[in-house]
N, C-alpha and C. Protein backbone atom coordinates (compact mmCIF):
# COMPACT_ATOMS: atom_id res chain seq x y z
N MET A 1 -27.98 63.86 -39.91
CA MET A 1 -28.78 64.76 -39.13
C MET A 1 -28.96 66.05 -39.92
N SER A 2 -30.16 66.51 -39.99
CA SER A 2 -30.44 67.71 -40.78
C SER A 2 -30.31 68.94 -39.91
N GLN A 3 -30.23 70.09 -40.57
CA GLN A 3 -30.12 71.37 -39.89
C GLN A 3 -31.38 71.68 -39.08
N GLU A 4 -32.53 71.18 -39.52
CA GLU A 4 -33.79 71.50 -38.85
C GLU A 4 -33.87 70.82 -37.47
N SER A 5 -33.25 69.63 -37.33
CA SER A 5 -33.33 68.96 -36.05
C SER A 5 -32.39 69.59 -35.02
N ASN A 6 -31.35 70.30 -35.47
CA ASN A 6 -30.42 70.97 -34.58
C ASN A 6 -30.47 72.47 -34.89
N PRO A 7 -31.29 73.24 -34.14
CA PRO A 7 -31.48 74.64 -34.48
C PRO A 7 -30.28 75.53 -34.11
N GLN A 8 -29.27 75.03 -33.40
CA GLN A 8 -28.15 75.87 -33.01
C GLN A 8 -27.22 76.08 -34.19
N THR A 9 -26.70 77.26 -34.27
CA THR A 9 -25.71 77.56 -35.30
C THR A 9 -24.36 77.03 -34.85
N PRO A 10 -23.42 76.87 -35.76
CA PRO A 10 -22.08 76.41 -35.36
C PRO A 10 -21.43 77.32 -34.33
N MET A 11 -21.69 78.64 -34.38
CA MET A 11 -21.10 79.55 -33.41
C MET A 11 -21.65 79.30 -32.00
N GLU A 12 -22.96 79.02 -31.89
CA GLU A 12 -23.56 78.71 -30.59
C GLU A 12 -23.02 77.40 -30.04
N GLN A 13 -22.76 76.44 -30.94
CA GLN A 13 -22.21 75.16 -30.49
C GLN A 13 -20.80 75.36 -29.93
N LYS A 14 -20.02 76.26 -30.54
CA LYS A 14 -18.67 76.52 -30.05
C LYS A 14 -18.73 77.15 -28.66
N HIS A 15 -19.65 78.09 -28.45
CA HIS A 15 -19.77 78.73 -27.15
C HIS A 15 -20.23 77.73 -26.09
N GLU A 16 -21.12 76.83 -26.46
CA GLU A 16 -21.58 75.81 -25.52
C GLU A 16 -20.43 74.89 -25.14
N GLY A 17 -19.60 74.54 -26.10
CA GLY A 17 -18.42 73.71 -25.82
C GLY A 17 -17.43 74.42 -24.93
N ALA A 18 -17.23 75.72 -25.15
CA ALA A 18 -16.32 76.49 -24.32
C ALA A 18 -16.83 76.57 -22.89
N SER A 19 -18.14 76.67 -22.75
CA SER A 19 -18.71 76.72 -21.42
C SER A 19 -18.47 75.41 -20.67
N SER A 20 -18.64 74.29 -21.36
CA SER A 20 -18.41 73.01 -20.69
C SER A 20 -16.92 72.81 -20.41
N VAL A 21 -16.04 73.32 -21.25
CA VAL A 21 -14.61 73.23 -20.99
C VAL A 21 -14.27 74.08 -19.76
N GLY A 22 -14.89 75.26 -19.64
CA GLY A 22 -14.67 76.09 -18.46
C GLY A 22 -15.16 75.40 -17.20
N ASP A 23 -16.31 74.72 -17.31
CA ASP A 23 -16.82 73.97 -16.17
C ASP A 23 -15.89 72.82 -15.82
N LEU A 24 -15.35 72.15 -16.82
CA LEU A 24 -14.42 71.05 -16.56
C LEU A 24 -13.16 71.56 -15.88
N ALA A 25 -12.69 72.74 -16.28
CA ALA A 25 -11.51 73.32 -15.64
C ALA A 25 -11.79 73.65 -14.18
N LYS A 26 -13.00 74.16 -13.90
CA LYS A 26 -13.36 74.45 -12.51
C LYS A 26 -13.45 73.17 -11.69
N PHE A 27 -14.02 72.12 -12.29
CA PHE A 27 -14.09 70.84 -11.58
C PHE A 27 -12.69 70.29 -11.33
N ALA A 28 -11.79 70.49 -12.28
CA ALA A 28 -10.41 70.04 -12.09
C ALA A 28 -9.75 70.80 -10.94
N LEU A 29 -10.02 72.10 -10.85
CA LEU A 29 -9.48 72.88 -9.74
C LEU A 29 -10.07 72.43 -8.40
N VAL A 30 -11.35 72.12 -8.38
CA VAL A 30 -11.99 71.64 -7.15
C VAL A 30 -11.39 70.31 -6.73
N ARG A 31 -11.19 69.40 -7.70
CA ARG A 31 -10.56 68.11 -7.39
C ARG A 31 -9.15 68.31 -6.85
N THR A 32 -8.41 69.25 -7.43
CA THR A 32 -7.06 69.53 -6.97
C THR A 32 -7.07 70.12 -5.57
N ALA A 33 -8.05 70.98 -5.28
CA ALA A 33 -8.16 71.56 -3.94
C ALA A 33 -8.47 70.47 -2.92
N PHE A 34 -9.37 69.56 -3.26
CA PHE A 34 -9.68 68.46 -2.34
C PHE A 34 -8.47 67.54 -2.16
N SER A 35 -7.71 67.34 -3.22
CA SER A 35 -6.50 66.54 -3.12
C SER A 35 -5.48 67.21 -2.20
N SER A 36 -5.38 68.52 -2.30
CA SER A 36 -4.49 69.27 -1.43
C SER A 36 -4.92 69.16 0.03
N GLU A 37 -6.23 69.17 0.26
CA GLU A 37 -6.74 69.00 1.63
C GLU A 37 -6.43 67.60 2.17
N ARG A 38 -6.53 66.60 1.32
CA ARG A 38 -6.19 65.24 1.75
C ARG A 38 -4.71 65.15 2.10
N SER A 39 -3.88 65.81 1.32
CA SER A 39 -2.44 65.82 1.63
C SER A 39 -2.18 66.51 2.96
N LEU A 40 -2.86 67.61 3.21
CA LEU A 40 -2.69 68.30 4.49
C LEU A 40 -3.15 67.41 5.65
N MET A 41 -4.23 66.68 5.46
CA MET A 41 -4.69 65.77 6.52
C MET A 41 -3.67 64.66 6.77
N ALA A 42 -2.99 64.20 5.73
CA ALA A 42 -1.95 63.19 5.92
C ALA A 42 -0.78 63.79 6.70
N TRP A 43 -0.44 65.05 6.41
CA TRP A 43 0.63 65.72 7.16
C TRP A 43 0.22 65.91 8.61
N ILE A 44 -1.05 66.20 8.86
CA ILE A 44 -1.53 66.34 10.24
C ILE A 44 -1.33 65.01 10.97
N SER A 45 -1.70 63.93 10.34
CA SER A 45 -1.55 62.61 10.95
C SER A 45 -0.08 62.30 11.25
N SER A 46 0.79 62.58 10.31
CA SER A 46 2.22 62.34 10.51
C SER A 46 2.77 63.22 11.63
N SER A 47 2.34 64.47 11.66
CA SER A 47 2.81 65.38 12.69
C SER A 47 2.38 64.94 14.08
N VAL A 48 1.13 64.51 14.20
CA VAL A 48 0.65 64.01 15.49
C VAL A 48 1.47 62.78 15.91
N SER A 49 1.80 61.94 14.96
CA SER A 49 2.61 60.76 15.27
C SER A 49 4.00 61.15 15.76
N PHE A 50 4.63 62.12 15.09
CA PHE A 50 5.94 62.59 15.53
C PHE A 50 5.88 63.18 16.94
N CYS A 51 4.91 64.05 17.17
CA CYS A 51 4.80 64.69 18.49
C CYS A 51 4.50 63.66 19.57
N THR A 52 3.65 62.70 19.29
CA THR A 52 3.33 61.65 20.26
C THR A 52 4.55 60.80 20.57
N PHE A 53 5.29 60.45 19.53
CA PHE A 53 6.49 59.64 19.73
C PHE A 53 7.53 60.40 20.55
N GLY A 54 7.75 61.68 20.23
CA GLY A 54 8.70 62.48 20.99
C GLY A 54 8.27 62.65 22.44
N PHE A 55 6.99 62.88 22.66
CA PHE A 55 6.47 63.03 24.01
C PHE A 55 6.62 61.72 24.78
N SER A 56 6.37 60.60 24.12
CA SER A 56 6.51 59.29 24.78
C SER A 56 7.96 59.03 25.17
N ILE A 57 8.88 59.39 24.33
CA ILE A 57 10.31 59.23 24.65
C ILE A 57 10.66 60.08 25.86
N ALA A 58 10.17 61.32 25.90
CA ALA A 58 10.46 62.20 27.04
C ALA A 58 9.88 61.64 28.33
N MET A 59 8.65 61.13 28.28
CA MET A 59 8.03 60.57 29.49
C MET A 59 8.74 59.29 29.93
N PHE A 60 9.19 58.48 29.00
CA PHE A 60 9.94 57.28 29.35
C PHE A 60 11.28 57.65 29.98
N ALA A 61 11.92 58.68 29.46
CA ALA A 61 13.18 59.15 30.05
C ALA A 61 12.95 59.65 31.47
N ASP A 62 11.86 60.37 31.70
CA ASP A 62 11.54 60.83 33.06
C ASP A 62 11.29 59.64 33.99
N TYR A 63 10.60 58.65 33.49
CA TYR A 63 10.34 57.46 34.29
C TYR A 63 11.65 56.77 34.68
N LEU A 64 12.58 56.64 33.73
CA LEU A 64 13.85 55.99 34.03
C LEU A 64 14.69 56.81 35.00
N GLN A 65 14.60 58.12 34.92
CA GLN A 65 15.37 58.96 35.84
C GLN A 65 14.82 58.88 37.26
N ARG A 66 13.53 58.68 37.42
CA ARG A 66 12.91 58.64 38.75
C ARG A 66 13.07 57.30 39.46
N ARG A 67 13.41 56.28 38.71
CA ARG A 67 13.58 54.96 39.34
C ARG A 67 14.84 54.97 40.21
N PRO A 68 14.76 54.37 41.36
CA PRO A 68 15.95 54.34 42.23
C PRO A 68 17.00 53.35 41.71
N LYS A 69 18.24 53.74 41.87
CA LYS A 69 19.40 52.89 41.52
C LYS A 69 19.36 52.40 40.08
N THR A 70 19.05 53.31 39.17
CA THR A 70 19.03 52.95 37.76
C THR A 70 20.14 53.70 37.06
N GLU A 71 20.90 52.99 36.28
CA GLU A 71 21.93 53.65 35.49
C GLU A 71 21.27 54.31 34.29
N TRP A 72 21.69 55.51 34.05
CA TRP A 72 21.14 56.27 32.93
C TRP A 72 21.90 55.85 31.68
N PHE A 73 21.21 55.23 30.75
CA PHE A 73 21.88 54.64 29.60
C PHE A 73 22.11 55.62 28.46
N LEU A 74 21.31 56.67 28.36
CA LEU A 74 21.45 57.62 27.26
C LEU A 74 21.14 59.02 27.79
N PRO A 75 22.17 59.80 28.11
CA PRO A 75 21.92 61.10 28.75
C PRO A 75 21.23 62.13 27.85
N ASN A 76 21.34 62.00 26.57
CA ASN A 76 20.77 63.00 25.66
C ASN A 76 19.41 62.60 25.08
N VAL A 77 18.72 61.69 25.74
CA VAL A 77 17.46 61.23 25.19
C VAL A 77 16.40 62.33 25.22
N ARG A 78 16.48 63.26 26.17
CA ARG A 78 15.53 64.38 26.20
C ARG A 78 15.72 65.26 24.95
N TRP A 79 16.95 65.46 24.53
CA TRP A 79 17.19 66.26 23.32
C TRP A 79 16.67 65.54 22.08
N ILE A 80 16.78 64.23 22.07
CA ILE A 80 16.24 63.46 20.95
C ILE A 80 14.73 63.65 20.87
N SER A 81 14.06 63.59 22.04
CA SER A 81 12.61 63.78 22.03
C SER A 81 12.24 65.20 21.59
N LEU A 82 13.01 66.19 21.99
CA LEU A 82 12.75 67.56 21.56
C LEU A 82 12.90 67.72 20.05
N VAL A 83 13.91 67.07 19.50
CA VAL A 83 14.13 67.14 18.05
C VAL A 83 12.97 66.49 17.31
N ILE A 84 12.48 65.37 17.81
CA ILE A 84 11.36 64.68 17.15
C ILE A 84 10.09 65.52 17.22
N ILE A 85 9.83 66.13 18.37
CA ILE A 85 8.64 66.99 18.50
C ILE A 85 8.77 68.20 17.58
N CYS A 86 9.97 68.81 17.54
CA CYS A 86 10.19 69.96 16.64
C CYS A 86 10.03 69.57 15.19
N LEU A 87 10.45 68.37 14.84
CA LEU A 87 10.29 67.88 13.47
C LEU A 87 8.81 67.77 13.10
N GLY A 88 8.00 67.26 14.03
CA GLY A 88 6.56 67.18 13.77
C GLY A 88 5.92 68.55 13.61
N ILE A 89 6.30 69.49 14.48
CA ILE A 89 5.74 70.84 14.41
C ILE A 89 6.18 71.54 13.13
N LEU A 90 7.46 71.44 12.80
CA LEU A 90 7.98 72.10 11.61
C LEU A 90 7.37 71.53 10.34
N SER A 91 7.23 70.21 10.27
CA SER A 91 6.65 69.61 9.06
C SER A 91 5.20 70.05 8.88
N LEU A 92 4.43 70.12 9.97
CA LEU A 92 3.04 70.56 9.85
C LEU A 92 2.96 72.04 9.50
N MET A 93 3.86 72.84 10.05
CA MET A 93 3.86 74.26 9.73
C MET A 93 4.14 74.48 8.23
N LEU A 94 5.13 73.79 7.72
CA LEU A 94 5.46 73.92 6.30
C LEU A 94 4.35 73.39 5.41
N ALA A 95 3.73 72.29 5.80
CA ALA A 95 2.62 71.74 5.01
C ALA A 95 1.42 72.69 5.01
N THR A 96 1.16 73.34 6.14
CA THR A 96 0.05 74.29 6.21
C THR A 96 0.31 75.51 5.34
N ILE A 97 1.54 76.01 5.39
CA ILE A 97 1.90 77.16 4.55
C ILE A 97 1.80 76.80 3.08
N GLU A 98 2.29 75.62 2.71
CA GLU A 98 2.23 75.17 1.32
C GLU A 98 0.79 75.01 0.86
N HIS A 99 -0.06 74.45 1.71
CA HIS A 99 -1.47 74.28 1.36
C HIS A 99 -2.15 75.63 1.15
N ALA A 100 -1.88 76.57 2.03
CA ALA A 100 -2.49 77.90 1.90
C ALA A 100 -2.03 78.60 0.63
N SER A 101 -0.76 78.49 0.30
CA SER A 101 -0.27 79.14 -0.93
C SER A 101 -0.82 78.44 -2.17
N ARG A 102 -0.98 77.12 -2.10
CA ARG A 102 -1.56 76.39 -3.23
C ARG A 102 -3.01 76.81 -3.45
N LEU A 103 -3.77 76.98 -2.36
CA LEU A 103 -5.16 77.43 -2.50
C LEU A 103 -5.24 78.84 -3.06
N ARG A 104 -4.32 79.72 -2.63
CA ARG A 104 -4.30 81.09 -3.18
C ARG A 104 -4.04 81.07 -4.69
N ARG A 105 -3.10 80.23 -5.12
CA ARG A 105 -2.81 80.14 -6.56
C ARG A 105 -4.01 79.60 -7.32
N MET A 106 -4.70 78.63 -6.76
CA MET A 106 -5.87 78.06 -7.44
C MET A 106 -7.02 79.05 -7.47
N LYS A 107 -7.17 79.86 -6.44
CA LYS A 107 -8.24 80.87 -6.46
C LYS A 107 -7.99 81.91 -7.53
N LYS A 108 -6.72 82.22 -7.80
CA LYS A 108 -6.39 83.14 -8.89
C LYS A 108 -6.74 82.52 -10.24
N LEU A 109 -6.70 81.19 -10.31
CA LEU A 109 -7.04 80.50 -11.55
C LEU A 109 -8.54 80.30 -11.72
N GLY A 110 -9.32 80.63 -10.68
CA GLY A 110 -10.77 80.53 -10.81
C GLY A 110 -11.42 79.47 -9.94
N LEU A 111 -10.77 79.04 -8.89
CA LEU A 111 -11.36 78.07 -7.98
C LEU A 111 -12.57 78.69 -7.31
N PRO A 112 -13.74 78.07 -7.45
CA PRO A 112 -14.93 78.62 -6.78
C PRO A 112 -14.84 78.42 -5.27
N ASP A 113 -15.55 79.27 -4.54
CA ASP A 113 -15.58 79.12 -3.08
C ASP A 113 -16.40 77.89 -2.74
N ILE A 114 -15.74 76.89 -2.20
CA ILE A 114 -16.41 75.65 -1.85
C ILE A 114 -17.05 75.79 -0.47
N SER A 115 -16.31 76.36 0.46
CA SER A 115 -16.84 76.61 1.79
C SER A 115 -16.12 77.83 2.36
N ARG A 116 -16.65 78.38 3.43
CA ARG A 116 -16.05 79.57 4.02
C ARG A 116 -14.71 79.27 4.66
N SER A 117 -14.59 78.13 5.31
CA SER A 117 -13.33 77.78 5.96
C SER A 117 -12.96 76.34 5.62
N SER A 118 -11.69 76.11 5.60
CA SER A 118 -11.19 74.78 5.30
C SER A 118 -10.99 74.04 6.62
N LEU A 119 -11.73 72.98 6.83
CA LEU A 119 -11.64 72.23 8.07
C LEU A 119 -10.23 71.68 8.33
N PRO A 120 -9.52 71.16 7.31
CA PRO A 120 -8.15 70.71 7.57
C PRO A 120 -7.21 71.86 7.99
N MET A 121 -7.47 73.08 7.50
CA MET A 121 -6.64 74.21 7.93
C MET A 121 -6.89 74.51 9.40
N VAL A 122 -8.13 74.49 9.82
CA VAL A 122 -8.47 74.72 11.23
C VAL A 122 -7.85 73.62 12.10
N ALA A 123 -7.96 72.39 11.65
CA ALA A 123 -7.38 71.27 12.40
C ALA A 123 -5.87 71.38 12.48
N SER A 124 -5.22 71.81 11.40
CA SER A 124 -3.77 71.92 11.43
C SER A 124 -3.31 73.02 12.39
N VAL A 125 -4.05 74.10 12.47
CA VAL A 125 -3.70 75.17 13.42
C VAL A 125 -3.87 74.67 14.85
N LEU A 126 -4.95 73.94 15.10
CA LEU A 126 -5.16 73.38 16.45
C LEU A 126 -4.07 72.38 16.82
N VAL A 127 -3.69 71.54 15.88
CA VAL A 127 -2.63 70.57 16.15
C VAL A 127 -1.30 71.28 16.35
N LEU A 128 -1.07 72.36 15.61
CA LEU A 128 0.16 73.15 15.84
C LEU A 128 0.19 73.72 17.25
N VAL A 129 -0.93 74.23 17.71
CA VAL A 129 -0.99 74.76 19.07
C VAL A 129 -0.73 73.66 20.09
N ILE A 130 -1.35 72.51 19.90
CA ILE A 130 -1.14 71.39 20.81
C ILE A 130 0.32 70.93 20.78
N GLY A 131 0.91 70.90 19.59
CA GLY A 131 2.32 70.53 19.46
C GLY A 131 3.24 71.51 20.17
N LEU A 132 2.94 72.79 20.06
CA LEU A 132 3.76 73.79 20.75
C LEU A 132 3.62 73.68 22.26
N VAL A 133 2.42 73.41 22.74
CA VAL A 133 2.22 73.21 24.18
C VAL A 133 2.98 71.97 24.65
N THR A 134 2.96 70.92 23.84
CA THR A 134 3.72 69.72 24.17
C THR A 134 5.21 70.01 24.24
N LEU A 135 5.70 70.77 23.26
CA LEU A 135 7.12 71.12 23.24
C LEU A 135 7.50 71.93 24.47
N ILE A 136 6.67 72.91 24.80
CA ILE A 136 6.95 73.72 25.99
C ILE A 136 6.90 72.86 27.25
N GLY A 137 5.94 71.94 27.30
CA GLY A 137 5.84 71.05 28.46
C GLY A 137 7.06 70.17 28.62
N VAL A 138 7.60 69.67 27.53
CA VAL A 138 8.79 68.83 27.61
C VAL A 138 10.01 69.67 27.98
N VAL A 139 10.12 70.86 27.42
CA VAL A 139 11.26 71.71 27.73
C VAL A 139 11.25 72.12 29.21
N LEU A 140 10.08 72.49 29.73
CA LEU A 140 9.97 72.92 31.12
C LEU A 140 9.80 71.76 32.09
N ASN A 141 9.78 70.54 31.56
CA ASN A 141 9.69 69.32 32.36
C ASN A 141 8.42 69.30 33.21
N TRP A 142 7.30 69.66 32.60
CA TRP A 142 6.03 69.58 33.29
C TRP A 142 5.67 68.12 33.49
N SER A 143 5.08 67.80 34.57
CA SER A 143 4.64 66.42 34.80
C SER A 143 3.13 66.39 34.95
N LEU A 144 2.56 65.26 34.62
CA LEU A 144 1.10 65.14 34.68
C LEU A 144 0.63 64.79 36.05
């Protein structure tokens, strides 16, 4: 290939390569941010499962207590359900905090603004609120 067919100087070619490397680094950060969002969504799913399981145990315990002439086989089952619900809430809270700190670190590295708000962050806050209401309902023995 002759010099006439490629009018760019070697210095311009280096700058063009640096620009594409910078773009690749930004794409890598975007992929990492999306991966972090997928991880948060998996934590949301696990947390909902924990809270649902704990709530189901509490409702089953209430059902067994209301039945006439039934021997209570496990007196601390309500505490077990509370621990499971708290585990779901705590795991989601820690995952949300970790996701937010990871995004802050990536923004310092040059992560472009993909959107104004992160939908998984909004969903995790809503699920945390629902989990806390569930926990309060089980503690105060609310019935449906």
